[in-house]
Each structure stands twice: as structure tokens, then as C-alpha cells.
Amino acid sequence: MACPICAKPVDPRYRPFCSKRCADVDLARWLRGSYVIPGTPLDEVPSGGADDDGEGRK
């Protein structure tokens, strides 16, 4: 298995990464929003769903 950041061999201590540095690089990418999970953006979700009681958020 190769590190998803730099493709070096994985170190079991930092699995699935090769080092703390690569683990930190990955975390920083998530925190900056560089990675996204596909889905419908929240502003495009139709209103009036099952959770909508018609009173709005307070």
C-alpha cells in the first residue's frame, strides 16, 4: 500500500500515510475544504421536506 499523499510505502504508525507530515497535509486539505464529498449543495435542497414544520428555524 502506498501513501495517498506522496506514494511512499506506508508506515504502520501513521497508516494509511507514510509519516505524520503526510497525515497533517491530508488533515489540512480537509480543513481548508480542498476535499469535498459529492452531494446536493444545501442551498439547492428543496424545502417542505418531512422535517419542515412550517415554523422556520429559531
PDB file of N, CA and C in Angstrom:
ATOM      1  N   MET A   1       0.845  -1.173   0.000  1.00  0.00           N
ATOM      2  CA  MET A   1       0.000   0.000   0.000  1.00  0.00           C
ATOM      3  C   MET A   1       0.892   1.239   0.000  1.00  0.00           C
ATOM      4  N   ALA A   2       0.481   2.246  -0.746  1.00  0.00           N
ATOM      5  CA  ALA A   2       1.263   3.470  -0.855  1.00  0.00           C
ATOM      6  C   ALA A   2       0.529   4.617  -0.174  1.00  0.00           C
ATOM      7  N   CYS A   3       1.290   5.548   0.339  1.00  0.00           N
ATOM      8  CA  CYS A   3       0.741   6.747   0.967  1.00  0.00           C
ATOM      9  C   CYS A   3      -0.078   7.517  -0.075  1.00  0.00           C
ATOM     10  N   PRO A   4      -1.322   7.928   0.257  1.00  0.00           N
ATOM     11  CA  PRO A   4      -2.131   8.653  -0.724  1.00  0.00           C
ATOM     12  C   PRO A   4      -1.632  10.073  -1.011  1.00  0.00           C
ATOM     13  N   ILE A   5      -0.723  10.584  -0.186  1.00  0.00           N
ATOM     14  CA  ILE A   5      -0.207  11.937  -0.391  1.00  0.00           C
ATOM     15  C   ILE A   5       1.048  11.925  -1.257  1.00  0.00           C
ATOM     16  N   CYS A   6       2.021  11.076  -0.909  1.00  0.00           N
ATOM     17  CA  CYS A   6       3.307  11.116  -1.624  1.00  0.00           C
ATOM     18  C   CYS A   6       3.693   9.798  -2.311  1.00  0.00           C
ATOM     19  N   ALA A   7       2.903   8.764  -2.135  1.00  0.00           N
ATOM     20  CA  ALA A   7       3.110   7.453  -2.767  1.00  0.00           C
ATOM     21  C   ALA A   7       4.280   6.647  -2.199  1.00  0.00           C
ATOM     22  N   LYS A   8       4.863   7.067  -1.070  1.00  0.00           N
ATOM     23  CA  LYS A   8       5.900   6.273  -0.408  1.00  0.00           C
ATOM     24  C   LYS A   8       5.233   5.107   0.324  1.00  0.00           C
ATOM     25  N   PRO A   9       6.019   4.092   0.722  1.00  0.00           N
ATOM     26  CA  PRO A   9       5.435   2.975   1.480  1.00  0.00           C
ATOM     27  C   PRO A   9       4.830   3.457   2.805  1.00  0.00           C
ATOM     28  N   VAL A  10       3.739   2.830   3.202  1.00  0.00           N
ATOM     29  CA  VAL A  10       3.009   3.206   4.412  1.00  0.00           C
ATOM     30  C   VAL A  10       3.772   2.782   5.660  1.00  0.00           C
ATOM     31  N   ASP A  11       3.771   3.631   6.670  1.00  0.00           N
ATOM     32  CA  ASP A  11       4.324   3.308   7.983  1.00  0.00           C
ATOM     33  C   ASP A  11       3.142   2.909   8.860  1.00  0.00           C
ATOM     34  N   PRO A  12       3.173   1.727   9.481  1.00  0.00           N
ATOM     35  CA  PRO A  12       2.038   1.271  10.296  1.00  0.00           C
ATOM     36  C   PRO A  12       1.624   2.264  11.392  1.00  0.00           C
ATOM     37  N   ARG A  13       2.563   3.061  11.891  1.00  0.00           N
ATOM     38  CA  ARG A  13       2.223   4.040  12.933  1.00  0.00           C
ATOM     39  C   ARG A  13       1.313   5.144  12.409  1.00  0.00           C
ATOM     40  N   TYR A  14       1.371   5.434  11.101  1.00  0.00           N
ATOM     41  CA  TYR A  14       0.621   6.546  10.524  1.00  0.00           C
ATOM     42  C   TYR A  14      -0.370   6.088   9.449  1.00  0.00           C
ATOM     43  N   ARG A  15      -0.633   4.794   9.409  1.00  0.00           N
ATOM     44  CA  ARG A  15      -1.483   4.208   8.386  1.00  0.00           C
ATOM     45  C   ARG A  15      -2.755   5.008   8.188  1.00  0.00           C
ATOM     46  N   PRO A  16      -3.153   5.362   7.004  1.00  0.00           N
ATOM     47  CA  PRO A  16      -2.654   4.918   5.701  1.00  0.00           C
ATOM     48  C   PRO A  16      -1.564   5.812   5.109  1.00  0.00           C
ATOM     49  N   PHE A  17      -0.932   6.620   5.945  1.00  0.00           N
ATOM     50  CA  PHE A  17       0.102   7.537   5.471  1.00  0.00           C
ATOM     51  C   PHE A  17       1.490   6.991   5.784  1.00  0.00           C
ATOM     52  N   CYS A  18       2.515   7.660   5.251  1.00  0.00           N
ATOM     53  CA  CYS A  18       3.897   7.231   5.482  1.00  0.00           C
ATOM     54  C   CYS A  18       4.531   7.966   6.654  1.00  0.00           C
ATOM     55  N   SER A  19       3.944   9.105   7.040  1.00  0.00           N
ATOM     56  CA  SER A  19       4.542   9.920   8.099  1.00  0.00           C
ATOM     57  C   SER A  19       3.488  10.851   8.702  1.00  0.00           C
ATOM     58  N   LYS A  20       3.846  11.454   9.821  1.00  0.00           N
ATOM     59  CA  LYS A  20       2.967  12.431  10.450  1.00  0.00           C
ATOM     60  C   LYS A  20       2.764  13.629   9.521  1.00  0.00           C
ATOM     61  N   ARG A  21       3.807  13.992   8.796  1.00  0.00           N
ATOM     62  CA  ARG A  21       3.707  15.116   7.873  1.00  0.00           C
ATOM     63  C   ARG A  21       2.615  14.882   6.840  1.00  0.00           C
ATOM     64  N   CYS A  22       2.593  13.701   6.220  1.00  0.00           N
ATOM     65  CA  CYS A  22       1.576  13.413   5.212  1.00  0.00           C
ATOM     66  C   CYS A  22       0.179  13.345   5.840  1.00  0.00           C
ATOM     67  N   ALA A  23       0.082  12.828   7.055  1.00  0.00           N
ATOM     68  CA  ALA A  23      -1.203  12.814   7.757  1.00  0.00           C
ATOM     69  C   ALA A  23      -1.674  14.249   8.002  1.00  0.00           C
ATOM     70  N   ASP A  24      -0.761  15.132   8.386  1.00  0.00           N
ATOM     71  CA  ASP A  24      -1.108  16.534   8.620  1.00  0.00           C
ATOM     72  C   ASP A  24      -1.487  17.253   7.327  1.00  0.00           C
ATOM     73  N   VAL A  25      -0.813  16.933   6.229  1.00  0.00           N
ATOM     74  CA  VAL A  25      -1.151  17.517   4.934  1.00  0.00           C
ATOM     75  C   VAL A  25      -2.581  17.125   4.567  1.00  0.00           C
ATOM     76  N   ASP A  26      -2.928  15.869   4.766  1.00  0.00           N
ATOM     77  CA  ASP A  26      -4.275  15.402   4.459  1.00  0.00           C
ATOM     78  C   ASP A  26      -5.316  16.104   5.332  1.00  0.00           C
ATOM     79  N   LEU A  27      -5.048  16.222   6.624  1.00  0.00           N
ATOM     80  CA  LEU A  27      -5.959  16.905   7.534  1.00  0.00           C
ATOM     81  C   LEU A  27      -6.154  18.366   7.111  1.00  0.00           C
ATOM     82  N   ALA A  28      -5.075  19.031   6.759  1.00  0.00           N
ATOM     83  CA  ALA A  28      -5.160  20.431   6.330  1.00  0.00           C
ATOM     84  C   ALA A  28      -6.014  20.569   5.071  1.00  0.00           C
ATOM     85  N   ARG A  29      -5.920  19.619   4.164  1.00  0.00           N
ATOM     86  CA  ARG A  29      -6.736  19.668   2.947  1.00  0.00           C
ATOM     87  C   ARG A  29      -8.221  19.546   3.291  1.00  0.00           C
ATOM     88  N   TRP A  30      -8.554  18.672   4.238  1.00  0.00           N
ATOM     89  CA  TRP A  30      -9.950  18.552   4.673  1.00  0.00           C
ATOM     90  C   TRP A  30     -10.409  19.854   5.335  1.00  0.00           C
ATOM     91  N   LEU A  31      -9.590  20.414   6.206  1.00  0.00           N
ATOM     92  CA  LEU A  31      -9.986  21.616   6.932  1.00  0.00           C
ATOM     93  C   LEU A  31     -10.139  22.836   6.022  1.00  0.00           C
ATOM     94  N   ARG A  32      -9.324  22.919   4.976  1.00  0.00           N
ATOM     95  CA  ARG A  32      -9.424  24.029   4.023  1.00  0.00           C
ATOM     96  C   ARG A  32     -10.586  23.855   3.060  1.00  0.00           C
ATOM     97  N   GLY A  33     -11.124  22.658   2.976  1.00  0.00           N
ATOM     98  CA  GLY A  33     -12.207  22.396   2.037  1.00  0.00           C
ATOM     99  C   GLY A  33     -11.717  21.958   0.674  1.00  0.00           C
ATOM    100  N   SER A  34     -10.464  21.539   0.583  1.00  0.00           N
ATOM    101  CA  SER A  34      -9.933  21.066  -0.691  1.00  0.00           C
ATOM    102  C   SER A  34     -10.595  19.761  -1.127  1.00  0.00           C
ATOM    103  N   TYR A  35     -11.001  18.964  -0.154  1.00  0.00           N
ATOM    104  CA  TYR A  35     -11.718  17.728  -0.435  1.00  0.00           C
ATOM    105  C   TYR A  35     -13.204  18.008  -0.225  1.00  0.00           C
ATOM    106  N   VAL A  36     -14.025  17.459  -1.079  1.00  0.00           N
ATOM    107  CA  VAL A  36     -15.466  17.589  -0.898  1.00  0.00           C
ATOM    108  C   VAL A  36     -16.114  16.231  -1.136  1.00  0.00           C
ATOM    109  N   ILE A  37     -17.183  16.007  -0.442  1.00  0.00           N
ATOM    110  CA  ILE A  37     -17.965  14.791  -0.630  1.00  0.00           C
ATOM    111  C   ILE A  37     -19.107  15.158  -1.569  1.00  0.00           C
ATOM    112  N   PRO A  38     -19.256  14.425  -2.685  1.00  0.00           N
ATOM    113  CA  PRO A  38     -20.297  14.772  -3.651  1.00  0.00           C
ATOM    114  C   PRO A  38     -21.689  14.715  -3.024  1.00  0.00           C
ATOM    115  N   GLY A  39     -22.519  15.617  -3.435  1.00  0.00           N
ATOM    116  CA  GLY A  39     -23.895  15.649  -2.962  1.00  0.00           C
ATOM    117  C   GLY A  39     -24.554  16.944  -3.390  1.00  0.00           C
ATOM    118  N   THR A  40     -25.816  17.053  -3.079  1.00  0.00           N
ATOM    119  CA  THR A  40     -26.558  18.263  -3.402  1.00  0.00           C
ATOM    120  C   THR A  40     -26.177  19.361  -2.427  1.00  0.00           C
ATOM    121  N   PRO A  41     -25.783  20.536  -2.919  1.00  0.00           N
ATOM    122  CA  PRO A  41     -25.470  21.644  -2.019  1.00  0.00           C
ATOM    123  C   PRO A  41     -26.689  21.987  -1.160  1.00  0.00           C
ATOM    124  N   LEU A  42     -26.470  22.409   0.060  1.00  0.00           N
ATOM    125  CA  LEU A  42     -27.561  22.692   0.975  1.00  0.00           C
ATOM    126  C   LEU A  42     -28.502  23.757   0.459  1.00  0.00           C
ATOM    127  N   ASP A  43     -28.011  24.743  -0.280  1.00  0.00           N
ATOM    128  CA  ASP A  43     -28.898  25.790  -0.769  1.00  0.00           C
ATOM    129  C   ASP A  43     -29.771  25.324  -1.930  1.00  0.00           C
ATOM    130  N   GLU A  44     -29.565  24.097  -2.429  1.00  0.00           N
ATOM    131  CA  GLU A  44     -30.383  23.562  -3.510  1.00  0.00           C
ATOM    132  C   GLU A  44     -31.342  22.474  -3.041  1.00  0.00           C
ATOM    133  N   VAL A  45     -31.351  22.162  -1.750  1.00  0.00           N
ATOM    134  CA  VAL A  45     -32.255  21.150  -1.234  1.00  0.00           C
ATOM    135  C   VAL A  45     -33.661  21.735  -1.225  1.00  0.00           C
ATOM    136  N   PRO A  46     -34.628  21.026  -1.812  1.00  0.00           N
ATOM    137  CA  PRO A  46     -35.988  21.563  -1.839  1.00  0.00           C
ATOM    138  C   PRO A  46     -36.569  21.691  -0.440  1.00  0.00           C
ATOM    139  N   SER A  47     -37.328  22.754  -0.197  1.00  0.00           N
ATOM    140  CA  SER A  47     -37.954  22.949   1.110  1.00  0.00           C
ATOM    141  C   SER A  47     -39.255  22.168   1.168  1.00  0.00           C
ATOM    142  N   GLY A  48     -39.810  22.053   2.387  1.00  0.00           N
ATOM    143  CA  GLY A  48     -41.067  21.342   2.549  1.00  0.00           C
ATOM    144  C   GLY A  48     -40.891  19.866   2.774  1.00  0.00           C
ATOM    145  N   GLY A  49     -39.706  19.454   3.224  1.00  0.00           N
ATOM    146  CA  GLY A  49     -39.451  18.043   3.496  1.00  0.00           C
ATOM    147  C   GLY A  49     -40.166  17.581   4.749  1.00  0.00           C
ATOM    148  N   ALA A  50     -39.982  16.339   5.117  1.00  0.00           N
ATOM    149  CA  ALA A  50     -40.649  15.737   6.270  1.00  0.00           C
ATOM    150  C   ALA A  50     -40.286  16.436   7.574  1.00  0.00           C
ATOM    151  N   ASP A  51     -39.094  17.034   7.652  1.00  0.00           N
ATOM    152  CA  ASP A  51     -38.670  17.694   8.887  1.00  0.00           C
ATOM    153  C   ASP A  51     -39.160  19.137   8.971  1.00  0.00           C
ATOM    154  N   ASP A  52     -39.787  19.624   7.919  1.00  0.00           N
ATOM    155  CA  ASP A  52     -40.218  21.024   7.900  1.00  0.00           C
ATOM    156  C   ASP A  52     -41.590  21.146   8.543  1.00  0.00           C
ATOM    157  N   ASP A  53     -41.663  21.836   9.710  1.00  0.00           N
ATOM    158  CA  ASP A  53     -42.933  22.004  10.395  1.00  0.00           C
ATOM    159  C   ASP A  53     -43.597  23.330  10.043  1.00  0.00           C
ATOM    160  N   GLY A  54     -43.005  24.082   9.111  1.00  0.00           N
ATOM    161  CA  GLY A  54     -43.593  25.326   8.658  1.00  0.00           C
ATOM    162  C   GLY A  54     -43.297  26.524   9.548  1.00  0.00           C
ATOM    163  N   GLU A  55     -42.606  26.322  10.662  1.00  0.00           N
ATOM    164  CA  GLU A  55     -42.351  27.422  11.583  1.00  0.00           C
ATOM    165  C   GLU A  55     -41.001  28.074  11.376  1.00  0.00           C
ATOM    166  N   GLY A  56     -40.141  27.488  10.588  1.00  0.00           N
ATOM    167  CA  GLY A  56     -38.809  28.041  10.376  1.00  0.00           C
ATOM    168  C   GLY A  56     -37.896  27.787  11.555  1.00  0.00           C
ATOM    169  N   ARG A  57     -36.642  28.143  11.405  1.00  0.00           N
ATOM    170  CA  ARG A  57     -35.653  27.936  12.473  1.00  0.00           C
ATOM    171  C   ARG A  57     -35.635  29.129  13.392  1.00  0.00           C
ATOM    172  N   LYS A  58     -35.365  28.880  14.633  1.00  0.00           N
ATOM    173  CA  LYS A  58     -35.298  29.960  15.626  1.00  0.00           C
ATOM    174  C   LYS A  58     -33.956  29.994  16.272  1.00  0.00           C
TER     175      LYS A  58
END
